[in-house]
């Protein structure tokens, strides 16, 4: 899953990005409200972590503008303003959740998981045939056998399983699994697809991961 972090304090922004990447998320960082609004329109993010106090345009206005544009991406608002009135203002602007500073990173992670689960239909476990993915424990199994996945392989499998039966384009994969610095001309996606295919299909029947030539990839049971 890909997250946009909008935070003008660079040290805090990098702390958030580092922690989220370690948990398997792709994360982009911006420090300005106006730039964040443009970025959110151009890319399909799974979640936005939005600070209130921003240069250019504050987080409240960014949130309102995104909702006016009918963007339904979950928004977790961060701020040092923690009075009841401030919380109400943030939630009324269209934010899905509101977390005061300072915060414990584990609490932020729990809120991120809750918001992304809500977007994917409150599912904490994905299943196709005998392949299962537990999003809470971050474990994959096939036919009851645990499969060891890297964080990027896990994110790729999650992306495909959430869209089971659909053809997932390389663009969609890069949007949700890699960050803004991803080189779209590289063969990285093909390499990771091959890594994943060896782990979830080799030695099992039937094969679940299929390449649709000229279109993308699909994960489906026969």
N, C-alpha and C. Protein backbone atom coordinates (compact mmCIF):
# COMPACT_ATOMS: atom_id res chain seq x y z
N UNK A 1 0.84 -1.20 0.00
CA UNK A 1 0.00 0.00 0.00
C UNK A 1 0.88 1.25 0.00
N UNK A 2 0.37 2.29 -0.65
CA UNK A 2 1.15 3.52 -0.80
C UNK A 2 0.52 4.66 0.00
N UNK A 3 1.34 5.34 0.76
CA UNK A 3 0.88 6.38 1.67
C UNK A 3 1.57 7.69 1.32
N UNK A 4 0.81 8.78 1.35
CA UNK A 4 1.37 10.12 1.19
C UNK A 4 1.47 10.77 2.57
N UNK A 5 2.68 11.15 2.95
CA UNK A 5 2.92 11.84 4.22
C UNK A 5 3.09 13.32 3.92
N UNK A 6 2.27 14.16 4.53
CA UNK A 6 2.35 15.60 4.33
C UNK A 6 2.67 16.23 5.69
N UNK A 7 3.91 16.61 5.86
CA UNK A 7 4.40 17.09 7.16
C UNK A 7 5.54 18.07 6.92
N UNK A 8 5.41 19.31 7.45
CA UNK A 8 6.43 20.32 7.18
C UNK A 8 7.68 20.18 8.05
N UNK A 9 7.58 19.45 9.17
CA UNK A 9 8.75 19.19 10.00
C UNK A 9 9.51 18.01 9.38
N UNK A 10 10.64 18.30 8.76
CA UNK A 10 11.33 17.27 7.98
C UNK A 10 11.79 16.09 8.82
N UNK A 11 12.20 16.34 10.05
CA UNK A 11 12.63 15.25 10.92
C UNK A 11 11.47 14.31 11.23
N UNK A 12 10.30 14.89 11.51
CA UNK A 12 9.11 14.07 11.77
C UNK A 12 8.70 13.31 10.53
N UNK A 13 8.75 13.97 9.38
CA UNK A 13 8.35 13.34 8.12
C UNK A 13 9.24 12.13 7.82
N UNK A 14 10.55 12.27 8.00
CA UNK A 14 11.46 11.17 7.72
C UNK A 14 11.30 10.04 8.73
N UNK A 15 11.00 10.39 9.98
CA UNK A 15 10.72 9.38 11.00
C UNK A 15 9.51 8.55 10.59
N UNK A 16 8.45 9.23 10.15
CA UNK A 16 7.25 8.53 9.71
C UNK A 16 7.53 7.65 8.50
N UNK A 17 8.23 8.22 7.53
CA UNK A 17 8.51 7.45 6.30
C UNK A 17 9.34 6.21 6.63
N UNK A 18 10.37 6.37 7.42
CA UNK A 18 11.24 5.23 7.76
C UNK A 18 10.44 4.13 8.46
N UNK A 19 9.61 4.52 9.42
CA UNK A 19 8.83 3.53 10.15
C UNK A 19 7.82 2.81 9.26
N UNK A 20 7.17 3.55 8.37
CA UNK A 20 6.17 2.94 7.49
C UNK A 20 6.82 2.02 6.45
N UNK A 21 7.94 2.45 5.90
CA UNK A 21 8.66 1.61 4.93
C UNK A 21 9.10 0.30 5.59
N UNK A 22 9.56 0.38 6.83
CA UNK A 22 9.97 -0.83 7.55
C UNK A 22 8.80 -1.79 7.76
N UNK A 23 7.58 -1.25 7.76
CA UNK A 23 6.38 -2.07 7.91
C UNK A 23 5.84 -2.56 6.56
N UNK A 24 6.54 -2.23 5.48
CA UNK A 24 6.15 -2.74 4.17
C UNK A 24 5.33 -1.78 3.32
N UNK A 25 5.11 -0.56 3.79
CA UNK A 25 4.37 0.42 3.01
C UNK A 25 5.31 1.18 2.08
N UNK A 26 4.80 1.62 0.93
CA UNK A 26 5.51 2.59 0.10
C UNK A 26 5.06 3.96 0.59
N UNK A 27 5.99 4.89 0.73
CA UNK A 27 5.63 6.19 1.30
C UNK A 27 6.31 7.34 0.57
N UNK A 28 5.51 8.33 0.20
CA UNK A 28 6.01 9.56 -0.39
C UNK A 28 5.89 10.67 0.66
N UNK A 29 6.80 11.64 0.60
CA UNK A 29 6.80 12.74 1.58
C UNK A 29 6.73 14.08 0.87
N UNK A 30 5.84 14.94 1.34
CA UNK A 30 5.78 16.33 0.89
C UNK A 30 5.68 17.23 2.11
N UNK A 31 6.14 18.48 1.96
CA UNK A 31 6.17 19.40 3.10
C UNK A 31 5.26 20.60 2.92
N UNK A 32 4.50 20.63 1.84
CA UNK A 32 3.70 21.81 1.50
C UNK A 32 2.27 21.38 1.15
N UNK A 33 1.29 22.12 1.66
CA UNK A 33 -0.11 21.77 1.45
C UNK A 33 -0.55 21.82 0.00
N UNK A 34 -0.17 22.85 -0.71
CA UNK A 34 -0.58 22.99 -2.11
C UNK A 34 0.00 21.88 -2.97
N UNK A 35 1.27 21.55 -2.74
CA UNK A 35 1.91 20.46 -3.48
C UNK A 35 1.24 19.13 -3.17
N UNK A 36 0.84 18.94 -1.92
CA UNK A 36 0.18 17.70 -1.52
C UNK A 36 -1.16 17.54 -2.22
N UNK A 37 -1.88 18.63 -2.35
CA UNK A 37 -3.18 18.58 -3.02
C UNK A 37 -3.01 18.14 -4.48
N UNK A 38 -2.02 18.69 -5.14
CA UNK A 38 -1.74 18.32 -6.53
C UNK A 38 -1.33 16.86 -6.62
N UNK A 39 -0.44 16.43 -5.73
CA UNK A 39 0.04 15.05 -5.74
C UNK A 39 -1.09 14.06 -5.50
N UNK A 40 -2.00 14.39 -4.60
CA UNK A 40 -3.11 13.49 -4.30
C UNK A 40 -4.06 13.35 -5.48
N UNK A 41 -4.17 14.40 -6.28
CA UNK A 41 -5.02 14.33 -7.48
C UNK A 41 -4.39 13.45 -8.54
N UNK A 42 -3.06 13.42 -8.61
CA UNK A 42 -2.37 12.74 -9.69
C UNK A 42 -2.13 11.26 -9.41
N UNK A 43 -2.12 10.86 -8.12
CA UNK A 43 -1.78 9.48 -7.78
C UNK A 43 -2.87 8.86 -6.91
N UNK A 44 -3.01 7.55 -7.05
CA UNK A 44 -4.03 6.81 -6.31
C UNK A 44 -3.46 6.29 -5.00
N UNK A 45 -3.48 7.11 -3.97
CA UNK A 45 -2.94 6.71 -2.67
C UNK A 45 -3.95 5.88 -1.89
N UNK A 46 -3.42 5.00 -1.03
CA UNK A 46 -4.27 4.20 -0.16
C UNK A 46 -4.58 4.94 1.14
N UNK A 47 -3.75 5.95 1.47
CA UNK A 47 -3.94 6.71 2.71
C UNK A 47 -3.11 7.98 2.63
N UNK A 48 -3.62 9.05 3.23
CA UNK A 48 -2.85 10.28 3.37
C UNK A 48 -2.71 10.60 4.86
N UNK A 49 -1.48 10.81 5.30
CA UNK A 49 -1.22 11.29 6.66
C UNK A 49 -0.94 12.78 6.52
N UNK A 50 -1.82 13.60 7.08
CA UNK A 50 -1.84 15.03 6.78
C UNK A 50 -1.69 15.87 8.04
N UNK A 51 -0.60 16.63 8.09
CA UNK A 51 -0.41 17.57 9.21
C UNK A 51 -1.34 18.78 9.00
N UNK A 52 -1.76 19.39 10.08
CA UNK A 52 -2.64 20.56 9.97
C UNK A 52 -1.84 21.82 9.67
N UNK A 53 -0.75 22.04 10.41
CA UNK A 53 0.02 23.27 10.27
C UNK A 53 1.02 23.13 9.13
N UNK A 54 0.64 23.62 7.95
CA UNK A 54 1.48 23.49 6.76
C UNK A 54 1.66 24.83 6.08
N UNK A 55 2.81 25.04 5.44
CA UNK A 55 2.99 26.26 4.64
C UNK A 55 2.21 26.17 3.33
N UNK A 56 1.88 27.30 2.79
CA UNK A 56 1.18 27.33 1.50
C UNK A 56 -0.31 27.18 1.66
N UNK A 57 -0.73 26.10 2.28
CA UNK A 57 -2.15 25.83 2.50
C UNK A 57 -2.25 24.84 3.65
N UNK A 58 -3.05 25.18 4.67
CA UNK A 58 -3.06 24.29 5.83
C UNK A 58 -3.81 22.99 5.53
N UNK A 59 -3.62 22.01 6.43
CA UNK A 59 -4.18 20.69 6.22
C UNK A 59 -5.70 20.68 6.18
N UNK A 60 -6.33 21.55 6.95
CA UNK A 60 -7.80 21.62 6.95
C UNK A 60 -8.30 21.96 5.54
N UNK A 61 -7.69 22.96 4.92
CA UNK A 61 -8.11 23.38 3.59
C UNK A 61 -7.79 22.31 2.55
N UNK A 62 -6.63 21.68 2.68
CA UNK A 62 -6.28 20.59 1.76
C UNK A 62 -7.32 19.49 1.83
N UNK A 63 -7.69 19.10 3.04
CA UNK A 63 -8.67 18.05 3.24
C UNK A 63 -10.02 18.44 2.62
N UNK A 64 -10.46 19.65 2.88
CA UNK A 64 -11.73 20.12 2.31
C UNK A 64 -11.70 20.08 0.79
N UNK A 65 -10.59 20.54 0.21
CA UNK A 65 -10.49 20.59 -1.24
C UNK A 65 -10.51 19.19 -1.85
N UNK A 66 -9.81 18.25 -1.21
CA UNK A 66 -9.80 16.88 -1.72
C UNK A 66 -11.19 16.26 -1.67
N UNK A 67 -11.93 16.55 -0.61
CA UNK A 67 -13.29 16.01 -0.51
C UNK A 67 -14.22 16.67 -1.54
N UNK A 68 -14.01 17.95 -1.80
CA UNK A 68 -14.82 18.62 -2.83
C UNK A 68 -14.58 18.00 -4.21
N UNK A 69 -13.35 17.49 -4.41
CA UNK A 69 -13.01 16.83 -5.68
C UNK A 69 -13.45 15.37 -5.69
N UNK A 70 -14.17 14.96 -4.64
CA UNK A 70 -14.73 13.60 -4.54
C UNK A 70 -13.66 12.52 -4.36
N UNK A 71 -12.48 12.91 -3.89
CA UNK A 71 -11.45 11.91 -3.60
C UNK A 71 -11.78 11.27 -2.25
N UNK A 72 -11.92 9.95 -2.26
CA UNK A 72 -12.35 9.24 -1.06
C UNK A 72 -11.20 8.57 -0.30
N UNK A 73 -9.97 8.90 -0.65
CA UNK A 73 -8.82 8.33 0.03
C UNK A 73 -8.91 8.61 1.54
N UNK A 74 -8.65 7.61 2.39
CA UNK A 74 -8.67 7.87 3.84
C UNK A 74 -7.62 8.91 4.22
N UNK A 75 -7.98 9.80 5.14
CA UNK A 75 -7.07 10.84 5.60
C UNK A 75 -6.94 10.78 7.11
N UNK A 76 -5.70 10.61 7.58
CA UNK A 76 -5.38 10.64 9.01
C UNK A 76 -4.71 11.98 9.28
N UNK A 77 -5.36 12.81 10.07
CA UNK A 77 -4.85 14.15 10.33
C UNK A 77 -3.97 14.15 11.58
N UNK A 78 -2.80 14.78 11.48
CA UNK A 78 -1.88 14.91 12.61
C UNK A 78 -1.78 16.38 13.00
N UNK A 79 -1.78 16.66 14.29
CA UNK A 79 -1.63 18.04 14.72
C UNK A 79 -1.31 18.15 16.20
N UNK A 80 -0.65 19.25 16.55
CA UNK A 80 -0.41 19.56 17.95
C UNK A 80 -1.63 20.23 18.57
N UNK A 81 -2.60 20.61 17.73
CA UNK A 81 -3.84 21.23 18.21
C UNK A 81 -4.81 20.13 18.60
N UNK A 82 -4.99 19.90 19.89
CA UNK A 82 -5.71 18.71 20.34
C UNK A 82 -6.98 19.01 21.15
N UNK A 83 -7.44 20.26 21.14
CA UNK A 83 -8.68 20.55 21.86
C UNK A 83 -9.85 19.89 21.14
N UNK A 84 -10.97 19.76 21.84
CA UNK A 84 -12.16 19.16 21.24
C UNK A 84 -12.58 19.94 19.99
N UNK A 85 -12.51 21.26 20.08
CA UNK A 85 -12.90 22.09 18.93
C UNK A 85 -12.02 21.84 17.72
N UNK A 86 -10.70 21.68 17.97
CA UNK A 86 -9.78 21.40 16.87
C UNK A 86 -10.07 20.05 16.23
N UNK A 87 -10.36 19.06 17.07
CA UNK A 87 -10.68 17.73 16.54
C UNK A 87 -11.95 17.77 15.70
N UNK A 88 -12.96 18.46 16.20
CA UNK A 88 -14.21 18.57 15.46
C UNK A 88 -13.98 19.25 14.12
N UNK A 89 -13.19 20.31 14.13
CA UNK A 89 -12.89 21.04 12.89
C UNK A 89 -12.19 20.13 11.89
N UNK A 90 -11.23 19.33 12.37
CA UNK A 90 -10.52 18.43 11.48
C UNK A 90 -11.42 17.36 10.89
N UNK A 91 -12.25 16.76 11.73
CA UNK A 91 -13.15 15.71 11.26
C UNK A 91 -14.23 16.29 10.34
N UNK A 92 -14.71 17.47 10.65
CA UNK A 92 -15.71 18.11 9.79
C UNK A 92 -15.16 18.50 8.43
N UNK A 93 -13.85 18.67 8.34
CA UNK A 93 -13.25 19.02 7.04
C UNK A 93 -13.18 17.81 6.12
N UNK A 94 -13.44 16.62 6.68
CA UNK A 94 -13.45 15.41 5.86
C UNK A 94 -12.43 14.37 6.26
N UNK A 95 -11.65 14.62 7.32
CA UNK A 95 -10.66 13.64 7.77
C UNK A 95 -11.38 12.42 8.36
N UNK A 96 -10.76 11.26 8.21
CA UNK A 96 -11.34 10.02 8.74
C UNK A 96 -10.90 9.75 10.18
N UNK A 97 -9.75 10.29 10.56
CA UNK A 97 -9.25 10.10 11.91
C UNK A 97 -8.34 11.28 12.25
N UNK A 98 -8.06 11.45 13.53
CA UNK A 98 -7.35 12.63 14.02
C UNK A 98 -6.45 12.20 15.15
N UNK A 99 -5.15 12.42 15.02
CA UNK A 99 -4.19 11.99 16.03
C UNK A 99 -3.35 13.17 16.48
N UNK A 100 -3.33 13.40 17.80
CA UNK A 100 -2.60 14.53 18.34
C UNK A 100 -1.12 14.24 18.50
N UNK A 101 -0.31 15.29 18.39
CA UNK A 101 1.13 15.20 18.64
C UNK A 101 1.41 15.60 20.08
N UNK A 102 2.40 14.99 20.71
CA UNK A 102 3.20 13.85 20.26
C UNK A 102 2.38 12.57 20.30
N UNK A 103 2.80 11.57 19.54
CA UNK A 103 2.07 10.30 19.48
C UNK A 103 3.07 9.15 19.51
N UNK A 104 2.57 7.99 19.90
CA UNK A 104 3.36 6.76 19.84
C UNK A 104 3.24 6.19 18.44
N UNK A 105 4.37 5.78 17.86
CA UNK A 105 4.32 5.26 16.49
C UNK A 105 3.43 4.03 16.38
N UNK A 106 3.41 3.19 17.40
CA UNK A 106 2.56 2.00 17.36
C UNK A 106 1.08 2.36 17.28
N UNK A 107 0.70 3.47 17.93
CA UNK A 107 -0.69 3.91 17.82
C UNK A 107 -0.98 4.40 16.42
N UNK A 108 -0.06 5.15 15.83
CA UNK A 108 -0.25 5.60 14.46
C UNK A 108 -0.37 4.40 13.52
N UNK A 109 0.46 3.38 13.71
CA UNK A 109 0.38 2.19 12.87
C UNK A 109 -0.98 1.51 12.99
N UNK A 110 -1.49 1.43 14.22
CA UNK A 110 -2.80 0.80 14.43
C UNK A 110 -3.89 1.57 13.69
N UNK A 111 -3.79 2.89 13.71
CA UNK A 111 -4.79 3.70 13.01
C UNK A 111 -4.64 3.56 11.50
N UNK A 112 -3.41 3.48 11.03
CA UNK A 112 -3.17 3.26 9.59
C UNK A 112 -3.79 1.94 9.17
N UNK A 113 -3.57 0.89 9.94
CA UNK A 113 -4.14 -0.43 9.60
C UNK A 113 -5.65 -0.39 9.60
N UNK A 114 -6.23 0.29 10.58
CA UNK A 114 -7.69 0.37 10.66
C UNK A 114 -8.27 1.11 9.46
N UNK A 115 -7.65 2.22 9.07
CA UNK A 115 -8.17 3.00 7.95
C UNK A 115 -8.01 2.27 6.62
N UNK A 116 -6.89 1.59 6.43
CA UNK A 116 -6.69 0.87 5.17
C UNK A 116 -7.58 -0.36 5.11
N UNK A 117 -7.84 -1.01 6.26
CA UNK A 117 -8.80 -2.13 6.28
C UNK A 117 -10.18 -1.65 5.92
N UNK A 118 -10.54 -0.49 6.44
CA UNK A 118 -11.86 0.06 6.16
C UNK A 118 -12.04 0.29 4.67
N UNK A 119 -10.96 0.78 4.03
CA UNK A 119 -11.05 1.03 2.59
C UNK A 119 -11.18 -0.26 1.79
N UNK A 120 -10.54 -1.33 2.27
CA UNK A 120 -10.58 -2.60 1.54
C UNK A 120 -11.72 -3.50 1.98
N UNK A 121 -12.67 -2.91 2.73
CA UNK A 121 -13.85 -3.68 3.11
C UNK A 121 -13.71 -4.40 4.43
N UNK A 122 -12.89 -3.86 5.33
CA UNK A 122 -12.72 -4.38 6.69
C UNK A 122 -12.14 -5.79 6.72
N UNK A 123 -11.46 -6.20 5.67
CA UNK A 123 -10.88 -7.53 5.65
C UNK A 123 -9.48 -7.52 6.25
N UNK A 124 -9.24 -8.45 7.16
CA UNK A 124 -7.90 -8.59 7.72
C UNK A 124 -7.22 -9.83 7.17
N UNK A 125 -7.96 -10.62 6.37
CA UNK A 125 -7.41 -11.83 5.77
C UNK A 125 -7.92 -11.95 4.34
N UNK A 126 -7.00 -12.17 3.41
CA UNK A 126 -7.35 -12.35 2.01
C UNK A 126 -7.12 -13.81 1.63
N UNK A 127 -8.01 -14.36 0.78
CA UNK A 127 -7.90 -15.79 0.44
C UNK A 127 -8.29 -16.01 -1.01
N UNK A 128 -7.45 -16.77 -1.73
CA UNK A 128 -7.74 -17.22 -3.08
C UNK A 128 -7.34 -18.68 -3.14
N UNK A 129 -8.31 -19.56 -3.41
CA UNK A 129 -8.07 -21.00 -3.39
C UNK A 129 -7.43 -21.36 -2.05
N UNK A 130 -6.25 -21.99 -2.06
CA UNK A 130 -5.60 -22.36 -0.80
C UNK A 130 -4.49 -21.39 -0.41
N UNK A 131 -4.47 -20.21 -1.07
CA UNK A 131 -3.50 -19.16 -0.74
C UNK A 131 -4.15 -18.15 0.19
N UNK A 132 -3.54 -17.91 1.35
CA UNK A 132 -4.10 -16.98 2.33
C UNK A 132 -3.06 -15.94 2.73
N UNK A 133 -3.55 -14.73 2.97
CA UNK A 133 -2.69 -13.63 3.40
C UNK A 133 -3.32 -12.99 4.62
N UNK A 134 -2.62 -13.06 5.74
CA UNK A 134 -3.09 -12.46 6.99
C UNK A 134 -2.45 -11.08 7.10
N UNK A 135 -3.27 -10.03 6.97
CA UNK A 135 -2.75 -8.67 6.95
C UNK A 135 -2.31 -8.21 8.34
N UNK A 136 -2.90 -8.76 9.38
CA UNK A 136 -2.55 -8.35 10.74
C UNK A 136 -1.18 -8.92 11.14
N UNK A 137 -0.99 -10.22 10.92
CA UNK A 137 0.28 -10.85 11.30
C UNK A 137 1.31 -10.79 10.18
N UNK A 138 0.86 -10.34 8.99
CA UNK A 138 1.71 -10.23 7.81
C UNK A 138 2.35 -11.57 7.46
N UNK A 139 1.49 -12.60 7.42
CA UNK A 139 1.94 -13.94 7.07
C UNK A 139 1.17 -14.45 5.86
N UNK A 140 1.88 -15.17 5.00
CA UNK A 140 1.27 -15.79 3.83
C UNK A 140 1.40 -17.30 3.95
N UNK A 141 0.36 -18.02 3.57
CA UNK A 141 0.41 -19.48 3.56
C UNK A 141 -0.26 -19.99 2.29
N UNK A 142 0.21 -21.15 1.83
CA UNK A 142 -0.48 -21.85 0.76
C UNK A 142 -0.56 -23.32 1.15
N UNK A 143 -1.76 -23.87 1.07
CA UNK A 143 -2.02 -25.25 1.48
C UNK A 143 -1.51 -25.49 2.90
N UNK A 144 -1.64 -24.45 3.74
CA UNK A 144 -1.24 -24.57 5.14
C UNK A 144 0.24 -24.38 5.40
N UNK A 145 1.03 -24.21 4.35
CA UNK A 145 2.47 -24.04 4.50
C UNK A 145 2.83 -22.56 4.46
N UNK A 146 3.58 -22.10 5.49
CA UNK A 146 3.94 -20.69 5.52
C UNK A 146 4.96 -20.37 4.43
N UNK A 147 4.75 -19.20 3.79
CA UNK A 147 5.62 -18.74 2.71
C UNK A 147 6.38 -17.53 3.22
N UNK A 148 7.70 -17.57 3.15
CA UNK A 148 8.52 -16.44 3.59
C UNK A 148 8.60 -15.40 2.48
N UNK A 149 8.10 -14.21 2.76
CA UNK A 149 8.09 -13.12 1.78
C UNK A 149 8.87 -11.93 2.32
N UNK A 150 9.57 -11.23 1.43
CA UNK A 150 10.16 -9.95 1.80
C UNK A 150 9.04 -8.93 1.94
N UNK A 151 9.33 -7.77 2.50
CA UNK A 151 8.29 -6.75 2.66
C UNK A 151 7.73 -6.31 1.31
N UNK A 152 8.57 -6.22 0.29
CA UNK A 152 8.10 -5.79 -1.03
C UNK A 152 7.28 -6.89 -1.69
N UNK A 153 7.69 -8.15 -1.52
CA UNK A 153 6.90 -9.27 -2.06
C UNK A 153 5.54 -9.33 -1.39
N UNK A 154 5.51 -9.09 -0.08
CA UNK A 154 4.24 -9.08 0.64
C UNK A 154 3.33 -7.98 0.10
N UNK A 155 3.88 -6.78 -0.09
CA UNK A 155 3.09 -5.67 -0.59
C UNK A 155 2.56 -5.96 -2.00
N UNK A 156 3.37 -6.59 -2.83
CA UNK A 156 2.94 -6.94 -4.19
C UNK A 156 1.83 -7.98 -4.14
N UNK A 157 1.98 -8.99 -3.30
CA UNK A 157 0.94 -10.02 -3.18
C UNK A 157 -0.36 -9.42 -2.65
N UNK A 158 -0.25 -8.53 -1.67
CA UNK A 158 -1.45 -7.87 -1.14
C UNK A 158 -2.16 -7.09 -2.24
N UNK A 159 -1.39 -6.35 -3.04
CA UNK A 159 -1.96 -5.57 -4.15
C UNK A 159 -2.72 -6.48 -5.11
N UNK A 160 -2.15 -7.62 -5.45
CA UNK A 160 -2.78 -8.54 -6.40
C UNK A 160 -3.99 -9.25 -5.79
N UNK A 161 -3.88 -9.64 -4.52
CA UNK A 161 -4.99 -10.36 -3.88
C UNK A 161 -6.19 -9.46 -3.63
N UNK A 162 -5.94 -8.18 -3.37
CA UNK A 162 -7.06 -7.25 -3.19
C UNK A 162 -7.83 -7.06 -4.50
N UNK A 163 -7.17 -7.36 -5.62
CA UNK A 163 -7.80 -7.21 -6.94
C UNK A 163 -7.93 -8.56 -7.63
N UNK A 164 -8.16 -9.59 -6.85
CA UNK A 164 -8.21 -10.96 -7.36
C UNK A 164 -9.21 -11.07 -8.51
N UNK A 165 -8.79 -11.73 -9.59
CA UNK A 165 -9.65 -11.91 -10.75
C UNK A 165 -9.59 -10.77 -11.74
N UNK A 166 -8.97 -9.65 -11.34
CA UNK A 166 -8.83 -8.51 -12.24
C UNK A 166 -7.44 -8.50 -12.85
N UNK A 167 -7.33 -7.89 -14.03
CA UNK A 167 -6.02 -7.67 -14.61
C UNK A 167 -5.44 -6.41 -13.98
N UNK A 168 -4.30 -6.55 -13.31
CA UNK A 168 -3.66 -5.43 -12.62
C UNK A 168 -2.49 -4.95 -13.49
N UNK A 169 -2.55 -3.72 -13.93
CA UNK A 169 -1.52 -3.20 -14.82
C UNK A 169 -0.24 -2.89 -14.06
N UNK A 170 0.84 -2.76 -14.80
CA UNK A 170 2.12 -2.37 -14.20
C UNK A 170 2.00 -1.00 -13.54
N UNK A 171 1.22 -0.10 -14.16
CA UNK A 171 1.02 1.23 -13.59
C UNK A 171 0.34 1.13 -12.23
N UNK A 172 -0.71 0.31 -12.14
CA UNK A 172 -1.42 0.15 -10.87
C UNK A 172 -0.50 -0.44 -9.81
N UNK A 173 0.32 -1.41 -10.21
CA UNK A 173 1.26 -2.00 -9.25
C UNK A 173 2.25 -0.96 -8.76
N UNK A 174 2.81 -0.19 -9.68
CA UNK A 174 3.79 0.83 -9.27
C UNK A 174 3.14 1.88 -8.38
N UNK A 175 1.88 2.20 -8.64
CA UNK A 175 1.16 3.21 -7.84
C UNK A 175 0.99 2.76 -6.39
N UNK A 176 0.80 1.46 -6.17
CA UNK A 176 0.46 0.99 -4.82
C UNK A 176 1.61 0.31 -4.09
N UNK A 177 2.65 -0.12 -4.81
CA UNK A 177 3.71 -0.89 -4.17
C UNK A 177 5.03 -0.13 -4.10
N UNK A 178 5.26 0.77 -5.07
CA UNK A 178 6.50 1.54 -5.10
C UNK A 178 6.22 3.02 -4.87
N UNK A 179 7.24 3.78 -4.50
CA UNK A 179 7.03 5.19 -4.19
C UNK A 179 7.28 6.07 -5.41
N UNK A 180 7.29 7.37 -5.18
CA UNK A 180 7.36 8.35 -6.25
C UNK A 180 8.68 8.27 -7.04
N UNK A 181 9.69 7.68 -6.45
CA UNK A 181 10.99 7.61 -7.11
C UNK A 181 11.14 6.39 -8.03
N UNK A 182 10.08 5.61 -8.15
CA UNK A 182 10.14 4.39 -8.96
C UNK A 182 10.38 4.71 -10.43
N UNK A 183 11.30 3.98 -11.04
CA UNK A 183 11.61 4.15 -12.46
C UNK A 183 10.69 3.25 -13.29
N UNK A 184 9.74 3.86 -13.96
CA UNK A 184 8.73 3.09 -14.71
C UNK A 184 9.32 2.36 -15.91
N UNK A 185 10.54 2.71 -16.30
CA UNK A 185 11.17 2.04 -17.44
C UNK A 185 11.97 0.81 -17.00
N UNK A 186 12.10 0.58 -15.72
CA UNK A 186 12.89 -0.55 -15.24
C UNK A 186 12.08 -1.85 -15.32
N UNK A 187 12.78 -2.96 -15.10
CA UNK A 187 12.11 -4.27 -15.11
C UNK A 187 11.89 -4.80 -13.69
N UNK A 188 11.90 -3.91 -12.72
CA UNK A 188 11.78 -4.31 -11.32
C UNK A 188 10.48 -5.07 -11.06
N UNK A 189 9.37 -4.62 -11.62
CA UNK A 189 8.10 -5.30 -11.40
C UNK A 189 8.15 -6.73 -11.92
N UNK A 190 8.70 -6.91 -13.11
CA UNK A 190 8.81 -8.26 -13.68
C UNK A 190 9.67 -9.16 -12.79
N UNK A 191 10.75 -8.60 -12.26
CA UNK A 191 11.64 -9.37 -11.39
C UNK A 191 10.88 -9.82 -10.14
N UNK A 192 10.12 -8.91 -9.52
CA UNK A 192 9.40 -9.26 -8.30
C UNK A 192 8.23 -10.20 -8.58
N UNK A 193 7.61 -10.07 -9.74
CA UNK A 193 6.56 -11.02 -10.13
C UNK A 193 7.16 -12.42 -10.21
N UNK A 194 8.33 -12.55 -10.80
CA UNK A 194 8.99 -13.85 -10.89
C UNK A 194 9.36 -14.40 -9.52
N UNK A 195 9.87 -13.52 -8.64
CA UNK A 195 10.16 -13.94 -7.26
C UNK A 195 8.91 -14.49 -6.60
N UNK A 196 7.81 -13.75 -6.75
CA UNK A 196 6.55 -14.11 -6.10
C UNK A 196 5.99 -15.41 -6.68
N UNK A 197 6.06 -15.54 -7.99
CA UNK A 197 5.53 -16.75 -8.65
C UNK A 197 6.25 -18.00 -8.14
N UNK A 198 7.57 -17.90 -7.98
CA UNK A 198 8.33 -19.05 -7.49
C UNK A 198 7.90 -19.43 -6.07
N UNK A 199 7.53 -18.43 -5.27
CA UNK A 199 7.20 -18.72 -3.87
C UNK A 199 5.76 -19.19 -3.69
N UNK A 200 4.82 -18.65 -4.46
CA UNK A 200 3.41 -19.02 -4.21
C UNK A 200 2.88 -20.09 -5.16
N UNK A 201 3.57 -20.33 -6.30
CA UNK A 201 3.06 -21.29 -7.28
C UNK A 201 3.94 -22.53 -7.45
N UNK A 202 5.26 -22.38 -7.32
CA UNK A 202 6.15 -23.50 -7.56
C UNK A 202 5.89 -24.62 -6.54
N UNK A 203 5.57 -25.80 -7.07
CA UNK A 203 5.30 -26.93 -6.20
C UNK A 203 3.85 -27.05 -5.79
N UNK A 204 3.01 -26.11 -6.25
CA UNK A 204 1.59 -26.15 -5.91
C UNK A 204 0.76 -26.24 -7.18
N UNK A 205 -0.45 -26.78 -7.04
CA UNK A 205 -1.41 -26.81 -8.15
C UNK A 205 -2.76 -26.36 -7.64
N UNK A 206 -3.48 -25.57 -8.45
CA UNK A 206 -3.10 -25.04 -9.76
C UNK A 206 -2.29 -23.76 -9.60
N UNK A 207 -1.61 -23.29 -10.67
CA UNK A 207 -0.94 -21.98 -10.59
C UNK A 207 -1.99 -20.88 -10.47
N UNK A 208 -1.67 -19.88 -9.66
CA UNK A 208 -2.63 -18.79 -9.41
C UNK A 208 -2.21 -17.46 -10.04
N UNK A 209 -0.92 -17.24 -10.20
CA UNK A 209 -0.42 -15.96 -10.72
C UNK A 209 -0.17 -16.08 -12.22
N UNK A 210 -0.86 -15.24 -12.99
CA UNK A 210 -0.81 -15.33 -14.45
C UNK A 210 -0.39 -14.00 -15.06
N UNK A 211 0.40 -14.07 -16.12
CA UNK A 211 0.77 -12.89 -16.89
C UNK A 211 -0.19 -12.73 -18.05
N UNK A 212 -0.76 -11.56 -18.19
CA UNK A 212 -1.63 -11.24 -19.32
C UNK A 212 -0.79 -10.37 -20.26
N UNK A 213 -0.29 -10.97 -21.33
CA UNK A 213 0.67 -10.29 -22.19
C UNK A 213 0.09 -8.98 -22.73
N UNK A 214 0.87 -7.91 -22.54
CA UNK A 214 0.47 -6.59 -23.01
C UNK A 214 -0.52 -5.87 -22.11
N UNK A 215 -0.93 -6.52 -21.02
CA UNK A 215 -1.92 -5.89 -20.14
C UNK A 215 -1.45 -5.80 -18.70
N UNK A 216 -0.93 -6.89 -18.16
CA UNK A 216 -0.50 -6.87 -16.76
C UNK A 216 -0.50 -8.26 -16.17
N UNK A 217 -0.99 -8.37 -14.94
CA UNK A 217 -0.95 -9.63 -14.20
C UNK A 217 -2.29 -9.84 -13.50
N UNK A 218 -2.60 -11.10 -13.28
CA UNK A 218 -3.82 -11.39 -12.53
C UNK A 218 -3.58 -12.57 -11.61
N UNK A 219 -4.22 -12.54 -10.46
CA UNK A 219 -4.16 -13.61 -9.49
C UNK A 219 -5.56 -14.20 -9.41
N UNK A 220 -5.71 -15.45 -9.82
CA UNK A 220 -7.05 -16.02 -9.82
C UNK A 220 -6.98 -17.54 -9.73
N UNK A 221 -8.03 -18.12 -9.16
CA UNK A 221 -8.18 -19.55 -9.14
C UNK A 221 -8.85 -19.99 -10.44
N UNK A 222 -8.59 -21.21 -10.90
CA UNK A 222 -9.21 -21.67 -12.15
C UNK A 222 -10.72 -21.84 -11.99
